[in-house]
Amino acid sequence: PKRSATEIAMTELHAGGKFNQNSYKVSGGLHGVGVSCVNGLSKWMKVTVRQGGKVHYIEFAQGVPQNRLIETVQAPDGQTVEVSPLRVLGATDKRGTEVHFLADEEIFTNVEYH
């Protein structure tokens, strides 16, 4: 399925966000390899995005999306397409992104958070 920009940024190397004329561009910049590597090396990662008046959410386990939504929608050309949007948890008047993760102790022998 077509995936959200958030899922791509969290799972693909060099898929950090660059914003130009209100569009999302794939590049090796902001969030480049960093967050996707953290995701892959984490027991779990939870991402909450507050945008457009809604609270969106996605969760990963060892870098793999969990409980993914799959929807079938009609594209502008009339074809049906599978998409995988983020879950909408509710409404908000706030904006921003929260990322929480737990380092995988099967990979790291000494885990310290500062």
C-alpha atoms as a PDB file:
ATOM      1  CA  PRO A   1       0.000   0.000   0.000  1.00  0.00           C
ATOM      2  CA  LYS A   2       0.976   3.641  -0.331  1.00  0.00           C
ATOM      3  CA  ARG A   3       2.417   4.701   3.029  1.00  0.00           C
ATOM      4  CA  SER A   4       2.297   7.927   5.004  1.00  0.00           C
ATOM      5  CA  ALA A   5       5.271  10.291   4.935  1.00  0.00           C
ATOM      6  CA  THR A   6       5.690   9.624   8.670  1.00  0.00           C
ATOM      7  CA  GLU A   7       6.007   5.872   8.131  1.00  0.00           C
ATOM      8  CA  ILE A   8       8.503   6.388   5.304  1.00  0.00           C
ATOM      9  CA  ALA A   9      10.638   8.778   7.392  1.00  0.00           C
ATOM     10  CA  MET A  10      10.649   6.309  10.299  1.00  0.00           C
ATOM     11  CA  THR A  11      11.537   3.219   8.256  1.00  0.00           C
ATOM     12  CA  GLU A  12      13.601   4.208   5.207  1.00  0.00           C
ATOM     13  CA  LEU A  13      17.226   5.340   5.233  1.00  0.00           C
ATOM     14  CA  HIS A  14      17.758   8.830   3.730  1.00  0.00           C
ATOM     15  CA  ALA A  15      14.022   9.587   3.772  1.00  0.00           C
ATOM     16  CA  GLY A  16      14.192  12.695   5.946  1.00  0.00           C
ATOM     17  CA  GLY A  17      11.814  15.550   5.330  1.00  0.00           C
ATOM     18  CA  LYS A  18      12.570  18.596   3.244  1.00  0.00           C
ATOM     19  CA  PHE A  19       9.684  20.941   2.747  1.00  0.00           C
ATOM     20  CA  ASN A  20       9.388  23.064  -0.366  1.00  0.00           C
ATOM     21  CA  GLN A  21       6.193  24.688  -1.671  1.00  0.00           C
ATOM     22  CA  ASN A  22       4.112  22.651   0.821  1.00  0.00           C
ATOM     23  CA  SER A  23       5.286  19.296  -0.561  1.00  0.00           C
ATOM     24  CA  TYR A  24       7.223  16.498   1.099  1.00  0.00           C
ATOM     25  CA  LYS A  25      10.487  15.655  -0.637  1.00  0.00           C
ATOM     26  CA  VAL A  26      12.567  12.552  -0.021  1.00  0.00           C
ATOM     27  CA  SER A  27      16.151  13.488   0.741  1.00  0.00           C
ATOM     28  CA  GLY A  28      18.981  12.749   3.124  1.00  0.00           C
ATOM     29  CA  GLY A  29      18.426  15.584   5.539  1.00  0.00           C
ATOM     30  CA  LEU A  30      16.227  16.177   8.562  1.00  0.00           C
ATOM     31  CA  HIS A  31      15.565  12.740  10.124  1.00  0.00           C
ATOM     32  CA  GLY A  32      17.827  11.275   7.353  1.00  0.00           C
ATOM     33  CA  VAL A  33      19.237   8.007   8.653  1.00  0.00           C
ATOM     34  CA  GLY A  34      18.960   8.906  12.331  1.00  0.00           C
ATOM     35  CA  VAL A  35      15.360   8.177  13.214  1.00  0.00           C
ATOM     36  CA  SER A  36      15.051   5.137  10.940  1.00  0.00           C
ATOM     37  CA  CYS A  37      18.167   3.648  12.574  1.00  0.00           C
ATOM     38  CA  VAL A  38      16.817   4.375  16.064  1.00  0.00           C
ATOM     39  CA  ASN A  39      13.557   2.706  15.019  1.00  0.00           C
ATOM     40  CA  GLY A  40      15.316  -0.408  13.712  1.00  0.00           C
ATOM     41  CA  LEU A  41      17.395  -0.715  16.902  1.00  0.00           C
ATOM     42  CA  SER A  42      14.452  -0.181  19.258  1.00  0.00           C
ATOM     43  CA  LYS A  43      12.233  -2.747  20.922  1.00  0.00           C
ATOM     44  CA  TRP A  44       9.384  -0.340  20.161  1.00  0.00           C
ATOM     45  CA  MET A  45       8.837   3.197  18.865  1.00  0.00           C
ATOM     46  CA  LYS A  46       5.651   5.257  19.202  1.00  0.00           C
ATOM     47  CA  VAL A  47       5.083   8.360  17.079  1.00  0.00           C
ATOM     48  CA  THR A  48       2.330  10.914  17.689  1.00  0.00           C
ATOM     49  CA  VAL A  49       1.810  13.670  15.116  1.00  0.00           C
ATOM     50  CA  ARG A  50      -0.456  16.639  15.895  1.00  0.00           C
ATOM     51  CA  GLN A  51      -1.326  18.350  12.650  1.00  0.00           C
ATOM     52  CA  GLY A  52      -4.339  19.814  10.885  1.00  0.00           C
ATOM     53  CA  GLY A  53      -6.496  19.679  14.002  1.00  0.00           C
ATOM     54  CA  LYS A  54      -6.014  15.913  14.427  1.00  0.00           C
ATOM     55  CA  VAL A  55      -3.842  13.601  16.535  1.00  0.00           C
ATOM     56  CA  HIS A  56      -2.248  10.916  14.336  1.00  0.00           C
ATOM     57  CA  TYR A  57      -0.438   7.838  15.695  1.00  0.00           C
ATOM     58  CA  ILE A  58       1.768   4.986  14.502  1.00  0.00           C
ATOM     59  CA  GLU A  59       3.643   2.336  16.463  1.00  0.00           C
ATOM     60  CA  PHE A  60       6.579   0.120  15.475  1.00  0.00           C
ATOM     61  CA  ALA A  61       8.167  -3.027  16.925  1.00  0.00           C
ATOM     62  CA  GLN A  62      11.813  -3.528  15.934  1.00  0.00           C
ATOM     63  CA  GLY A  63      11.274  -1.177  12.999  1.00  0.00           C
ATOM     64  CA  VAL A  64       8.104  -2.843  11.675  1.00  0.00           C
ATOM     65  CA  PRO A  65       4.766  -0.970  11.688  1.00  0.00           C
ATOM     66  CA  GLN A  66       2.194  -2.532  14.033  1.00  0.00           C
ATOM     67  CA  ASN A  67      -1.595  -2.714  13.621  1.00  0.00           C
ATOM     68  CA  ARG A  68      -1.378  -0.992  10.245  1.00  0.00           C
ATOM     69  CA  LEU A  69      -4.543   0.423   8.696  1.00  0.00           C
ATOM     70  CA  ILE A  70      -5.116  -0.536   5.062  1.00  0.00           C
ATOM     71  CA  GLU A  71      -7.799   1.320   3.134  1.00  0.00           C
ATOM     72  CA  THR A  72      -8.888   1.170  -0.476  1.00  0.00           C
ATOM     73  CA  VAL A  73      -9.521   4.582  -2.033  1.00  0.00           C
ATOM     74  CA  GLN A  74     -10.286   5.862  -5.482  1.00  0.00           C
ATOM     75  CA  ALA A  75      -7.441   7.806  -7.108  1.00  0.00           C
ATOM     76  CA  PRO A  76      -8.158  10.927  -9.212  1.00  0.00           C
ATOM     77  CA  ASP A  77      -7.716   8.805 -12.365  1.00  0.00           C
ATOM     78  CA  GLY A  78     -10.503   6.461 -11.195  1.00  0.00           C
ATOM     79  CA  GLN A  79      -8.278   3.528 -10.244  1.00  0.00           C
ATOM     80  CA  THR A  80      -8.544   1.967  -6.806  1.00  0.00           C
ATOM     81  CA  VAL A  81      -5.420   2.203  -4.671  1.00  0.00           C
ATOM     82  CA  GLU A  82      -4.480   0.725  -1.299  1.00  0.00           C
ATOM     83  CA  VAL A  83      -3.225   3.298   1.210  1.00  0.00           C
ATOM     84  CA  SER A  84      -1.924   2.963   4.748  1.00  0.00           C
ATOM     85  CA  PRO A  85      -2.774   6.167   6.646  1.00  0.00           C
ATOM     86  CA  LEU A  86      -1.836   6.915  10.230  1.00  0.00           C
ATOM     87  CA  ARG A  87      -4.503   6.193  12.821  1.00  0.00           C
ATOM     88  CA  VAL A  88      -6.449   9.272  13.927  1.00  0.00           C
ATOM     89  CA  LEU A  89      -6.860   9.297  17.708  1.00  0.00           C
ATOM     90  CA  GLY A  90      -8.876  12.484  18.026  1.00  0.00           C
ATOM     91  CA  ALA A  91      -8.898  16.250  17.691  1.00  0.00           C
ATOM     92  CA  THR A  92      -6.359  18.794  18.923  1.00  0.00           C
ATOM     93  CA  ASP A  93      -5.497  22.459  18.656  1.00  0.00           C
ATOM     94  CA  LYS A  94      -1.780  21.677  19.057  1.00  0.00           C
ATOM     95  CA  ARG A  95       0.939  20.982  16.502  1.00  0.00           C
ATOM     96  CA  GLY A  96       4.101  18.936  16.674  1.00  0.00           C
ATOM     97  CA  THR A  97       5.564  15.445  16.712  1.00  0.00           C
ATOM     98  CA  GLU A  98       6.460  13.231  19.684  1.00  0.00           C
ATOM     99  CA  VAL A  99       8.713  10.196  19.321  1.00  0.00           C
ATOM    100  CA  HIS A 100       9.145   7.700  22.168  1.00  0.00           C
ATOM    101  CA  PHE A 101      11.298   4.574  21.946  1.00  0.00           C
ATOM    102  CA  LEU A 102      12.818   1.806  24.024  1.00  0.00           C
ATOM    103  CA  ALA A 103      16.299   0.603  23.072  1.00  0.00           C
ATOM    104  CA  ASP A 104      16.415  -3.138  22.353  1.00  0.00           C
ATOM    105  CA  GLU A 105      18.459  -4.816  25.087  1.00  0.00           C
ATOM    106  CA  GLU A 106      18.995  -7.816  22.811  1.00  0.00           C
ATOM    107  CA  ILE A 107      21.126  -5.499  20.642  1.00  0.00           C
ATOM    108  CA  PHE A 108      22.645  -3.198  23.300  1.00  0.00           C
ATOM    109  CA  THR A 109      24.270  -4.701  26.384  1.00  0.00           C
ATOM    110  CA  ASN A 110      24.396  -1.431  28.336  1.00  0.00           C
ATOM    111  CA  VAL A 111      21.403   0.894  27.957  1.00  0.00           C
ATOM    112  CA  GLU A 112      21.505   4.308  29.661  1.00  0.00           C
ATOM    113  CA  TYR A 113      19.092   7.177  29.036  1.00  0.00           C
ATOM    114  CA  HIS A 114      20.220  10.715  29.855  1.00  0.00           C
END
